[in-house]
Amino acid sequence: MDTKQTVIRIMADLFGVPEDEITLESSIGDFPKWDSLGHISLLQEIQDELDIEFEPEEIIELENVEDIVSLASRKENQA
């Protein structure tokens, strides 16, 4: 499973939405459970699943699924 699929699967499970409703353009607030607390939970789940770590200054820049997938992919490739 690639990074994009992993992130979307985690989001679908965490936010209770079908995977096909999540696009690269989806952003915080697009789903009822994707609020600020949901965002932190999402990032923690991704870090745990992919065995990576986001820096606080990187987290601030994450605005949509594409940003999250891109950063997670870069982190995986650095490991």
Protein backbone atom coordinates (compact mmCIF):
# COMPACT_ATOMS: atom_id res chain seq x y z
CA MET A 1 0.00 0.00 0.00
CA ASP A 2 1.46 3.37 -0.96
CA THR A 3 1.52 6.45 1.24
CA LYS A 4 -1.53 8.07 -0.36
CA GLN A 5 -3.64 4.94 0.12
CA THR A 6 -2.46 4.59 3.71
CA VAL A 7 -3.30 8.22 4.57
CA ILE A 8 -6.74 7.95 2.95
CA ARG A 9 -7.48 4.65 4.75
CA ILE A 10 -6.50 6.18 8.09
CA MET A 11 -8.65 9.25 7.40
CA ALA A 12 -11.66 7.16 6.39
CA ASP A 13 -11.39 5.08 9.57
CA LEU A 14 -10.79 8.05 11.86
CA PHE A 15 -13.39 10.39 10.38
CA GLY A 16 -16.02 7.77 9.49
CA VAL A 17 -16.25 8.66 5.80
CA PRO A 18 -15.95 6.48 2.69
CA GLU A 19 -12.47 6.47 1.16
CA ASP A 20 -13.87 7.59 -2.20
CA GLU A 21 -15.07 10.86 -0.63
CA ILE A 22 -11.52 11.83 0.31
CA THR A 23 -9.55 13.65 -2.38
CA LEU A 24 -6.14 15.28 -2.44
CA GLU A 25 -7.95 18.62 -2.19
CA SER A 26 -9.87 17.63 0.97
CA SER A 27 -8.90 19.90 3.84
CA ILE A 28 -9.54 20.42 7.53
CA GLY A 29 -13.22 21.09 8.12
CA ASP A 30 -14.43 19.15 5.06
CA PHE A 31 -15.66 16.30 7.28
CA PRO A 32 -17.48 16.75 10.61
CA LYS A 33 -14.80 14.94 12.64
CA TRP A 34 -11.90 16.73 10.90
CA ASP A 35 -11.53 19.62 13.29
CA SER A 36 -8.38 20.77 15.08
CA LEU A 37 -8.44 17.82 17.49
CA GLY A 38 -9.20 15.40 14.66
CA HIS A 39 -6.28 16.87 12.71
CA ILE A 40 -3.85 16.13 15.55
CA SER A 41 -5.27 12.61 15.92
CA LEU A 42 -4.90 12.07 12.17
CA LEU A 43 -1.28 13.17 12.13
CA GLN A 44 -0.48 10.99 15.15
CA GLU A 45 -2.07 7.93 13.50
CA ILE A 46 -0.09 8.55 10.30
CA GLN A 47 3.16 8.93 12.24
CA ASP A 48 2.49 5.71 14.16
CA GLU A 49 1.47 3.70 11.10
CA LEU A 50 4.33 4.86 8.88
CA ASP A 51 6.93 5.07 11.66
CA ILE A 52 7.79 8.67 10.85
CA GLU A 53 7.80 11.92 12.83
CA PHE A 54 6.49 15.32 11.78
CA GLU A 55 8.19 18.42 13.17
CA PRO A 56 5.95 21.12 14.71
CA GLU A 57 6.92 23.64 12.02
CA GLU A 58 5.95 21.10 9.34
CA ILE A 59 2.56 20.42 10.92
CA ILE A 60 1.65 24.11 10.71
CA GLU A 61 2.04 23.97 6.91
CA LEU A 62 -0.34 21.00 6.40
CA GLU A 63 -3.60 22.27 4.93
CA ASN A 64 -4.99 19.42 2.83
CA VAL A 65 -4.59 15.73 2.03
CA GLU A 66 -2.05 16.45 -0.70
CA ASP A 67 0.19 18.31 1.78
CA ILE A 68 -0.04 15.44 4.28
CA VAL A 69 0.68 12.75 1.66
CA SER A 70 3.60 14.74 0.25
CA LEU A 71 5.23 15.27 3.65
CA ALA A 72 4.62 11.69 4.77
CA SER A 73 6.16 10.39 1.52
CA ARG A 74 9.25 12.56 1.99
CA LYS A 75 9.61 11.38 5.58
CA GLU A 76 9.31 7.72 4.55
CA ASN A 77 11.98 8.17 1.89
CA GLN A 78 14.34 9.74 4.43
CA ALA A 79 14.03 6.78 6.80
